[in-house]
């Protein structure tokens, strides 16, 4: 996952984005899908803002059960938002960084 924490986002929107992600992992439907997925899922969270402002907030984390999803939601809520004094955006640079995160991990590379 990648979170936009660039200048286009207000601090309240950044908090909403973070807390909404945590709530998604608390949703019973999402939790059940994780628990029923053969091999579970792996999640990484990247915060990006401007040139040179990309932070790996959570490295690859395997989720295999409902309790894993709940624990991951708790981790997400504790993530400090990066770059509070941000000035620009760097979507192209963020997109360029993503392939390195997937190297040797997956044949698919979803970007959200």
Protein backbone atom coordinates (compact mmCIF):
# COMPACT_ATOMS: atom_id res chain seq x y z
CA UNK A 1 0.00 0.00 0.00
CA UNK A 2 1.13 3.54 -0.52
CA UNK A 3 -0.19 6.54 1.33
CA UNK A 4 -0.07 10.02 -0.12
CA UNK A 5 1.24 12.36 2.59
CA UNK A 6 2.17 15.08 0.10
CA UNK A 7 1.31 18.77 0.25
CA UNK A 8 -1.99 18.12 -1.52
CA UNK A 9 -3.21 16.25 1.59
CA UNK A 10 -4.29 18.07 4.75
CA UNK A 11 -3.14 16.61 8.07
CA UNK A 12 -6.74 15.53 8.75
CA UNK A 13 -6.87 13.73 5.40
CA UNK A 14 -3.60 11.93 6.20
CA UNK A 15 -5.00 10.80 9.54
CA UNK A 16 -8.23 9.68 7.85
CA UNK A 17 -6.18 7.68 5.32
CA UNK A 18 -4.14 5.98 8.06
CA UNK A 19 -7.07 5.30 10.38
CA UNK A 20 -9.26 4.13 7.49
CA UNK A 21 -6.60 1.61 6.53
CA UNK A 22 -6.50 0.34 10.12
CA UNK A 23 -10.29 0.02 10.16
CA UNK A 24 -10.20 -1.96 6.93
CA UNK A 25 -8.04 -4.60 8.63
CA UNK A 26 -10.61 -4.74 11.45
CA UNK A 27 -13.47 -5.38 9.07
CA UNK A 28 -14.78 -8.96 9.52
CA UNK A 29 -15.07 -9.46 5.76
CA UNK A 30 -11.44 -8.44 5.19
CA UNK A 31 -10.30 -10.54 8.15
CA UNK A 32 -12.12 -13.61 6.86
CA UNK A 33 -10.70 -13.16 3.36
CA UNK A 34 -7.19 -13.01 4.83
CA UNK A 35 -7.81 -16.09 6.96
CA UNK A 36 -9.23 -18.01 3.98
CA UNK A 37 -6.45 -17.01 1.54
CA UNK A 38 -4.09 -19.93 0.94
CA UNK A 39 -0.77 -18.74 2.35
CA UNK A 40 -2.36 -15.54 3.66
CA UNK A 41 -1.31 -12.16 2.34
CA UNK A 42 1.74 -9.92 2.65
CA UNK A 43 1.41 -6.17 3.14
CA UNK A 44 3.88 -3.30 2.93
CA UNK A 45 3.08 0.37 3.63
CA UNK A 46 4.95 3.22 1.97
CA UNK A 47 4.38 6.91 2.71
CA UNK A 48 5.33 9.31 -0.04
CA UNK A 49 5.33 13.09 -0.31
CA UNK A 50 7.86 14.87 -2.50
CA UNK A 51 11.19 14.27 -4.21
CA UNK A 52 13.34 12.26 -1.82
CA UNK A 53 10.43 11.89 0.59
CA UNK A 54 9.42 8.26 0.54
CA UNK A 55 9.31 6.34 3.81
CA UNK A 56 8.81 2.64 4.32
CA UNK A 57 6.33 2.80 7.22
CA UNK A 58 5.84 -0.97 7.58
CA UNK A 59 8.05 -3.51 5.88
CA UNK A 60 6.62 -6.71 4.45
CA UNK A 61 4.30 -8.30 7.00
CA UNK A 62 2.64 -11.68 6.56
CA UNK A 63 -1.00 -11.92 7.65
CA UNK A 64 -2.53 -15.38 7.90
CA UNK A 65 -5.33 -15.11 10.41
CA UNK A 66 -7.98 -12.88 11.91
CA UNK A 67 -5.73 -12.18 14.89
CA UNK A 68 -2.90 -11.20 12.50
CA UNK A 69 -5.23 -8.70 10.82
CA UNK A 70 -6.28 -7.23 14.18
CA UNK A 71 -2.67 -6.89 15.30
CA UNK A 72 -1.73 -5.27 11.98
CA UNK A 73 -4.55 -2.72 12.43
CA UNK A 74 -3.04 -1.80 15.80
CA UNK A 75 0.39 -1.36 14.18
CA UNK A 76 -1.10 0.89 11.50
CA UNK A 77 -2.71 3.20 14.05
CA UNK A 78 0.68 3.79 15.68
CA UNK A 79 2.42 4.83 12.44
CA UNK A 80 3.51 8.46 12.66
CA UNK A 81 2.73 10.45 9.56
CA UNK A 82 5.86 11.31 7.61
CA UNK A 83 6.86 14.72 6.27
CA UNK A 84 4.59 17.13 8.16
CA UNK A 85 6.35 20.07 6.45
CA UNK A 86 6.04 18.58 2.97
CA UNK A 87 6.16 20.80 -0.08
CA UNK A 88 5.46 18.77 -3.19
CA UNK A 89 4.39 15.46 -4.61
CA UNK A 90 6.40 12.62 -6.07
CA UNK A 91 3.95 10.11 -7.53
CA UNK A 92 6.33 9.22 -10.35
CA UNK A 93 9.21 8.61 -7.93
CA UNK A 94 6.94 6.62 -5.64
CA UNK A 95 5.88 4.44 -8.56
CA UNK A 96 9.54 3.93 -9.48
CA UNK A 97 10.36 2.74 -5.94
CA UNK A 98 7.59 0.13 -5.79
CA UNK A 99 9.20 -2.50 -8.07
CA UNK A 100 12.16 -2.79 -5.70
CA UNK A 101 9.76 -3.60 -2.86
CA UNK A 102 8.34 -6.52 -4.88
CA UNK A 103 11.66 -7.95 -6.09
CA UNK A 104 11.51 -11.71 -5.62
CA UNK A 105 8.26 -11.53 -3.68
CA UNK A 106 5.48 -11.83 -6.21
CA UNK A 107 4.69 -12.24 -9.85
CA UNK A 108 1.91 -9.65 -9.44
CA UNK A 109 2.55 -6.05 -8.45
CA UNK A 110 -0.67 -4.33 -7.36
CA UNK A 111 -0.27 -0.66 -6.49
CA UNK A 112 -2.84 1.00 -4.28
